[in-house]
N, C-alpha and C. Protein backbone atom coordinates (compact mmCIF):
# COMPACT_ATOMS: atom_id res chain seq x y z
N MET A 1 -24.56 -48.01 -4.30
CA MET A 1 -24.58 -46.75 -3.61
C MET A 1 -24.36 -45.57 -4.54
N ALA A 2 -23.49 -45.71 -5.50
CA ALA A 2 -23.27 -44.68 -6.47
C ALA A 2 -24.53 -44.38 -7.29
N GLN A 3 -25.22 -45.38 -7.65
CA GLN A 3 -26.40 -45.20 -8.42
C GLN A 3 -27.49 -44.49 -7.59
N LEU A 4 -27.61 -44.78 -6.35
CA LEU A 4 -28.56 -44.12 -5.49
C LEU A 4 -28.19 -42.65 -5.29
N SER A 5 -26.87 -42.34 -5.16
CA SER A 5 -26.46 -40.98 -5.01
C SER A 5 -26.74 -40.19 -6.27
N ALA A 6 -26.55 -40.79 -7.48
CA ALA A 6 -26.81 -40.18 -8.71
C ALA A 6 -28.33 -39.87 -8.82
N PHE A 7 -29.09 -40.77 -8.41
CA PHE A 7 -30.60 -40.67 -8.47
C PHE A 7 -30.96 -39.40 -7.66
N TYR A 8 -30.47 -39.28 -6.45
CA TYR A 8 -30.78 -38.12 -5.58
C TYR A 8 -30.24 -36.83 -6.10
N ALA A 9 -29.07 -36.89 -6.66
CA ALA A 9 -28.43 -35.71 -7.23
C ALA A 9 -29.27 -35.18 -8.40
N LEU A 10 -29.75 -36.08 -9.25
CA LEU A 10 -30.62 -35.61 -10.35
C LEU A 10 -31.91 -35.12 -9.83
N ASP A 11 -32.35 -35.52 -8.65
CA ASP A 11 -33.58 -35.01 -8.12
C ASP A 11 -33.46 -33.60 -7.58
N ASP A 12 -32.22 -33.15 -7.40
CA ASP A 12 -31.99 -31.75 -6.96
C ASP A 12 -30.92 -31.15 -7.86
N LEU A 13 -31.38 -30.79 -9.07
CA LEU A 13 -30.47 -30.25 -10.07
C LEU A 13 -29.81 -28.98 -9.69
N PRO A 14 -30.48 -28.02 -8.97
CA PRO A 14 -29.74 -26.79 -8.58
C PRO A 14 -28.52 -27.11 -7.66
N TYR A 15 -28.73 -28.08 -6.74
CA TYR A 15 -27.64 -28.39 -5.81
C TYR A 15 -26.55 -29.07 -6.60
N MET A 16 -26.84 -29.98 -7.51
CA MET A 16 -25.87 -30.66 -8.32
C MET A 16 -25.07 -29.65 -9.17
N ARG A 17 -25.74 -28.72 -9.77
CA ARG A 17 -25.02 -27.72 -10.58
C ARG A 17 -24.10 -26.81 -9.78
N ALA A 18 -24.61 -26.44 -8.63
CA ALA A 18 -23.77 -25.60 -7.69
C ALA A 18 -22.52 -26.35 -7.29
N TYR A 19 -22.69 -27.62 -6.95
CA TYR A 19 -21.55 -28.49 -6.50
C TYR A 19 -20.57 -28.64 -7.68
N VAL A 20 -21.06 -28.88 -8.86
CA VAL A 20 -20.17 -29.03 -10.02
C VAL A 20 -19.37 -27.78 -10.24
N ASP A 21 -20.04 -26.64 -10.17
CA ASP A 21 -19.40 -25.31 -10.34
C ASP A 21 -18.36 -25.09 -9.27
N GLN A 22 -18.66 -25.45 -7.99
CA GLN A 22 -17.67 -25.33 -6.90
C GLN A 22 -16.44 -26.18 -7.18
N VAL A 23 -16.63 -27.45 -7.63
CA VAL A 23 -15.49 -28.31 -7.85
C VAL A 23 -14.63 -27.72 -9.02
N ALA A 24 -15.29 -27.18 -10.04
CA ALA A 24 -14.59 -26.57 -11.21
C ALA A 24 -13.72 -25.44 -10.69
N ARG A 25 -14.24 -24.56 -9.81
CA ARG A 25 -13.48 -23.49 -9.24
C ARG A 25 -12.36 -23.98 -8.41
N ALA A 26 -12.65 -24.99 -7.59
CA ALA A 26 -11.62 -25.59 -6.72
C ALA A 26 -10.46 -26.19 -7.58
N LYS A 27 -10.84 -26.82 -8.69
CA LYS A 27 -9.76 -27.45 -9.49
C LYS A 27 -8.84 -26.41 -10.08
N LYS A 28 -9.43 -25.27 -10.55
CA LYS A 28 -8.65 -24.17 -11.12
C LYS A 28 -7.72 -23.61 -10.09
N GLU A 29 -8.28 -23.31 -8.90
CA GLU A 29 -7.47 -22.63 -7.84
C GLU A 29 -6.41 -23.60 -7.30
N PHE A 30 -6.75 -24.85 -7.07
CA PHE A 30 -5.82 -25.91 -6.59
C PHE A 30 -4.65 -26.05 -7.58
N SER A 31 -4.95 -26.14 -8.88
CA SER A 31 -3.91 -26.27 -9.86
C SER A 31 -3.02 -25.08 -9.86
N SER A 32 -3.54 -23.90 -9.79
CA SER A 32 -2.75 -22.69 -9.74
C SER A 32 -1.82 -22.59 -8.53
N CYS A 33 -2.36 -22.98 -7.36
CA CYS A 33 -1.59 -23.08 -6.13
C CYS A 33 -0.41 -24.09 -6.28
N LEU A 34 -0.70 -25.22 -6.85
CA LEU A 34 0.40 -26.26 -7.06
C LEU A 34 1.43 -25.70 -8.01
N ASN A 35 0.99 -25.06 -9.11
CA ASN A 35 1.92 -24.56 -10.08
C ASN A 35 2.83 -23.44 -9.47
N ASN A 36 2.21 -22.61 -8.60
CA ASN A 36 2.99 -21.57 -7.92
C ASN A 36 4.02 -22.15 -6.98
N LEU A 37 3.75 -23.36 -6.49
CA LEU A 37 4.71 -23.99 -5.63
C LEU A 37 5.86 -24.68 -6.46
N GLY A 38 5.58 -24.86 -7.73
CA GLY A 38 6.54 -25.40 -8.65
C GLY A 38 6.24 -26.82 -9.04
N ILE A 39 5.02 -27.30 -8.68
CA ILE A 39 4.63 -28.66 -8.98
C ILE A 39 3.87 -28.65 -10.29
N ARG A 40 4.37 -29.53 -11.17
CA ARG A 40 3.68 -29.68 -12.53
C ARG A 40 2.42 -30.39 -12.39
N THR A 41 1.35 -29.95 -13.05
CA THR A 41 0.03 -30.56 -12.99
C THR A 41 -0.42 -30.85 -14.42
N ILE A 42 -1.35 -31.85 -14.52
CA ILE A 42 -2.08 -32.14 -15.72
C ILE A 42 -3.51 -32.02 -15.31
N VAL A 43 -4.21 -31.07 -15.94
CA VAL A 43 -5.63 -30.85 -15.60
C VAL A 43 -6.49 -31.23 -16.86
N GLY A 44 -7.40 -32.22 -16.60
CA GLY A 44 -8.26 -32.63 -17.65
C GLY A 44 -9.68 -32.14 -17.43
N GLY A 45 -10.54 -32.81 -18.12
CA GLY A 45 -11.98 -32.44 -18.05
C GLY A 45 -12.70 -33.05 -16.83
N GLY A 46 -12.09 -33.99 -16.20
CA GLY A 46 -12.78 -34.66 -15.07
C GLY A 46 -12.57 -33.95 -13.75
N ASN A 47 -12.96 -34.59 -12.64
CA ASN A 47 -12.83 -33.99 -11.37
C ASN A 47 -11.56 -34.45 -10.64
N TYR A 48 -10.46 -34.41 -11.38
CA TYR A 48 -9.22 -34.81 -10.74
C TYR A 48 -8.08 -34.02 -11.42
N ILE A 49 -6.91 -34.00 -10.74
CA ILE A 49 -5.74 -33.34 -11.18
C ILE A 49 -4.60 -34.36 -11.01
N MET A 50 -3.72 -34.44 -11.95
CA MET A 50 -2.52 -35.19 -11.91
C MET A 50 -1.33 -34.32 -11.51
N ILE A 51 -0.54 -34.76 -10.50
CA ILE A 51 0.58 -33.99 -10.13
C ILE A 51 1.85 -34.82 -10.32
N GLU A 52 2.97 -34.18 -10.72
CA GLU A 52 4.22 -34.87 -10.77
C GLU A 52 4.95 -34.83 -9.44
N ALA A 53 5.35 -35.96 -8.97
CA ALA A 53 6.06 -36.01 -7.67
C ALA A 53 7.22 -36.95 -7.81
N ARG A 54 8.40 -36.46 -7.71
CA ARG A 54 9.63 -37.22 -7.72
C ARG A 54 10.13 -37.42 -6.35
N GLU A 55 10.95 -38.48 -6.14
CA GLU A 55 11.59 -38.71 -4.82
C GLU A 55 12.45 -37.58 -4.44
N PRO A 56 12.56 -37.23 -3.19
CA PRO A 56 11.93 -37.85 -2.01
C PRO A 56 10.54 -37.31 -1.72
N PHE A 57 10.12 -36.28 -2.51
CA PHE A 57 8.84 -35.68 -2.30
C PHE A 57 7.74 -36.72 -2.44
N LYS A 58 7.84 -37.51 -3.47
CA LYS A 58 6.78 -38.53 -3.76
C LYS A 58 6.50 -39.35 -2.52
N THR A 59 7.46 -39.92 -1.94
CA THR A 59 7.29 -40.75 -0.76
C THR A 59 6.71 -39.97 0.43
N ALA A 60 7.17 -38.75 0.61
CA ALA A 60 6.64 -37.90 1.67
C ALA A 60 5.18 -37.51 1.48
N VAL A 61 4.81 -37.14 0.24
CA VAL A 61 3.45 -36.78 -0.01
C VAL A 61 2.50 -37.92 0.02
N LEU A 62 2.90 -39.09 -0.46
CA LEU A 62 2.04 -40.26 -0.39
C LEU A 62 1.83 -40.72 1.09
N SER A 63 2.84 -40.58 1.86
CA SER A 63 2.75 -40.90 3.29
C SER A 63 1.79 -39.90 3.99
N ALA A 64 1.93 -38.63 3.66
CA ALA A 64 1.12 -37.58 4.25
C ALA A 64 -0.36 -37.79 3.89
N PHE A 65 -0.61 -38.16 2.67
CA PHE A 65 -2.01 -38.44 2.25
C PHE A 65 -2.53 -39.61 3.00
N GLU A 66 -1.76 -40.67 3.18
CA GLU A 66 -2.18 -41.84 3.92
C GLU A 66 -2.47 -41.52 5.36
N ASN A 67 -1.59 -40.74 5.98
CA ASN A 67 -1.68 -40.38 7.39
C ASN A 67 -2.94 -39.49 7.61
N ASN A 68 -3.41 -38.79 6.59
CA ASN A 68 -4.54 -37.94 6.72
C ASN A 68 -5.84 -38.55 6.10
N SER A 69 -5.78 -39.87 5.85
CA SER A 69 -6.88 -40.67 5.29
C SER A 69 -7.39 -40.06 3.93
N ILE A 70 -6.44 -39.63 3.10
CA ILE A 70 -6.87 -39.15 1.78
C ILE A 70 -6.31 -40.13 0.76
N THR A 71 -7.29 -40.65 0.01
CA THR A 71 -6.99 -41.70 -0.98
C THR A 71 -6.63 -40.99 -2.32
N VAL A 72 -5.47 -41.35 -2.86
CA VAL A 72 -5.00 -40.86 -4.15
C VAL A 72 -4.58 -42.09 -4.95
N ARG A 73 -4.34 -41.95 -6.23
CA ARG A 73 -3.85 -43.03 -7.08
C ARG A 73 -2.46 -42.70 -7.59
N ASP A 74 -1.48 -43.57 -7.22
CA ASP A 74 -0.16 -43.42 -7.74
C ASP A 74 -0.09 -44.13 -9.09
N PHE A 75 0.20 -43.40 -10.15
CA PHE A 75 0.25 -43.89 -11.48
C PHE A 75 1.64 -44.20 -11.95
N SER A 76 2.59 -44.25 -11.01
CA SER A 76 4.06 -44.42 -11.37
C SER A 76 4.30 -45.65 -12.18
N ASP A 77 3.49 -46.66 -12.07
CA ASP A 77 3.69 -47.93 -12.75
C ASP A 77 3.04 -47.95 -14.20
N LYS A 78 2.41 -46.82 -14.58
CA LYS A 78 1.76 -46.71 -15.85
C LYS A 78 2.66 -46.03 -16.85
N LYS A 79 2.77 -46.64 -18.04
CA LYS A 79 3.62 -46.04 -19.07
C LYS A 79 3.15 -44.66 -19.40
N GLY A 80 4.15 -43.76 -19.45
CA GLY A 80 3.83 -42.35 -19.77
C GLY A 80 3.38 -41.52 -18.59
N LEU A 81 3.17 -42.17 -17.43
CA LEU A 81 2.73 -41.47 -16.24
C LEU A 81 3.68 -41.59 -15.06
N ILE A 82 4.87 -41.87 -15.33
CA ILE A 82 5.84 -42.08 -14.24
C ILE A 82 5.91 -40.84 -13.38
N ASN A 83 5.93 -41.07 -12.05
CA ASN A 83 5.94 -40.03 -10.99
C ASN A 83 4.65 -39.19 -10.95
N MET A 84 3.60 -39.68 -11.53
CA MET A 84 2.26 -38.93 -11.52
C MET A 84 1.36 -39.50 -10.45
N ILE A 85 0.72 -38.64 -9.72
CA ILE A 85 -0.25 -39.01 -8.70
C ILE A 85 -1.55 -38.31 -9.07
N ARG A 86 -2.66 -39.06 -9.01
CA ARG A 86 -4.00 -38.50 -9.31
C ARG A 86 -4.71 -38.19 -8.05
N ILE A 87 -5.18 -36.93 -8.01
CA ILE A 87 -5.93 -36.44 -6.82
C ILE A 87 -7.31 -36.02 -7.27
N THR A 88 -8.32 -36.57 -6.63
CA THR A 88 -9.73 -36.19 -6.90
C THR A 88 -9.95 -34.85 -6.28
N VAL A 89 -10.65 -33.97 -7.04
CA VAL A 89 -10.93 -32.59 -6.59
C VAL A 89 -12.29 -32.58 -5.86
N GLY A 90 -12.30 -31.94 -4.74
CA GLY A 90 -13.52 -31.76 -4.03
C GLY A 90 -13.89 -30.30 -3.87
N THR A 91 -14.43 -29.90 -2.78
CA THR A 91 -14.81 -28.54 -2.53
C THR A 91 -13.58 -27.61 -2.32
N LEU A 92 -13.78 -26.33 -2.36
CA LEU A 92 -12.67 -25.43 -2.13
C LEU A 92 -12.03 -25.60 -0.77
N GLU A 93 -12.80 -25.83 0.25
CA GLU A 93 -12.34 -26.06 1.62
C GLU A 93 -11.51 -27.29 1.59
N GLN A 94 -12.00 -28.40 1.06
CA GLN A 94 -11.29 -29.67 1.01
C GLN A 94 -9.92 -29.53 0.31
N MET A 95 -9.94 -28.76 -0.85
CA MET A 95 -8.67 -28.62 -1.57
C MET A 95 -7.69 -27.78 -0.91
N HIS A 96 -8.20 -26.75 -0.16
CA HIS A 96 -7.21 -25.96 0.65
C HIS A 96 -6.55 -26.84 1.69
N ASN A 97 -7.24 -27.79 2.27
CA ASN A 97 -6.67 -28.69 3.22
C ASN A 97 -5.71 -29.64 2.57
N VAL A 98 -6.04 -30.16 1.41
CA VAL A 98 -5.09 -31.00 0.62
C VAL A 98 -3.83 -30.26 0.29
N PHE A 99 -4.00 -29.04 -0.10
CA PHE A 99 -2.81 -28.20 -0.49
C PHE A 99 -1.90 -28.02 0.73
N LYS A 100 -2.47 -27.76 1.91
CA LYS A 100 -1.67 -27.60 3.12
C LYS A 100 -0.86 -28.85 3.38
N ILE A 101 -1.46 -30.04 3.17
CA ILE A 101 -0.77 -31.33 3.35
C ILE A 101 0.38 -31.48 2.33
N ILE A 102 0.09 -31.09 1.09
CA ILE A 102 1.14 -31.15 0.13
C ILE A 102 2.31 -30.22 0.43
N GLU A 103 1.98 -28.99 0.82
CA GLU A 103 3.04 -28.06 1.24
C GLU A 103 3.86 -28.55 2.40
N SER A 104 3.21 -29.16 3.34
CA SER A 104 3.89 -29.71 4.55
C SER A 104 4.84 -30.85 4.07
N ALA A 105 4.33 -31.69 3.23
CA ALA A 105 5.13 -32.81 2.76
C ALA A 105 6.34 -32.33 1.97
N PHE A 106 6.09 -31.27 1.20
CA PHE A 106 7.20 -30.71 0.38
C PHE A 106 8.26 -30.10 1.31
N ASP A 107 7.78 -29.42 2.30
CA ASP A 107 8.74 -28.74 3.31
C ASP A 107 9.53 -29.84 4.06
N SER A 108 8.84 -30.96 4.33
CA SER A 108 9.47 -31.99 5.16
C SER A 108 10.61 -32.73 4.46
N THR A 109 10.58 -32.68 3.12
CA THR A 109 11.59 -33.33 2.34
C THR A 109 12.97 -32.59 2.50
N ASN A 110 12.84 -31.25 2.78
CA ASN A 110 14.03 -30.47 3.01
C ASN A 110 14.99 -30.49 1.82
N VAL A 111 14.38 -30.40 0.64
CA VAL A 111 15.24 -30.43 -0.61
C VAL A 111 14.83 -29.19 -1.42
N GLU A 112 15.69 -28.79 -2.33
CA GLU A 112 15.30 -27.69 -3.22
C GLU A 112 14.11 -28.14 -4.14
N VAL A 113 13.33 -27.18 -4.49
CA VAL A 113 12.19 -27.41 -5.36
C VAL A 113 12.64 -28.05 -6.67
N SER A 114 13.67 -27.57 -7.27
CA SER A 114 14.07 -28.10 -8.54
C SER A 114 14.54 -29.54 -8.46
N GLU A 115 15.17 -29.86 -7.36
CA GLU A 115 15.62 -31.26 -7.16
C GLU A 115 14.43 -32.24 -6.99
N ALA A 116 13.46 -31.84 -6.19
CA ALA A 116 12.35 -32.68 -5.91
C ALA A 116 11.43 -32.83 -7.17
N LEU A 117 11.42 -31.84 -8.00
CA LEU A 117 10.58 -31.95 -9.21
C LEU A 117 11.31 -32.33 -10.46
N GLY A 118 12.56 -32.65 -10.28
CA GLY A 118 13.36 -33.12 -11.42
C GLY A 118 13.67 -32.05 -12.49
N LYS A 119 13.73 -30.80 -12.00
CA LYS A 119 14.04 -29.72 -12.98
C LYS A 119 15.56 -29.41 -12.97
């Protein structure tokens, strides 16, 4: 399926370039919003962002993602990535929705920002 999608994407290069540009803008804006909330991010060259999430925020946000059918990868068991969650970046609209879910999970923990983020 991925190969077929790639084939069709290459068949419409203007669409593919526009989508890649949109994801790059979404990644920058999403990371900035998370940082403004006080959430540490790691932004690489790919279409994902790593966020740091300590308890009780971590449990709340992972549950919120699951309840909203959003698949993320919890890297907590990986050396050097403790408390890190990987989120794939999509369109601006999708990332605005993901941010709202993160905000809600953060608010639901009812803890101070510094406590939830280990600061």
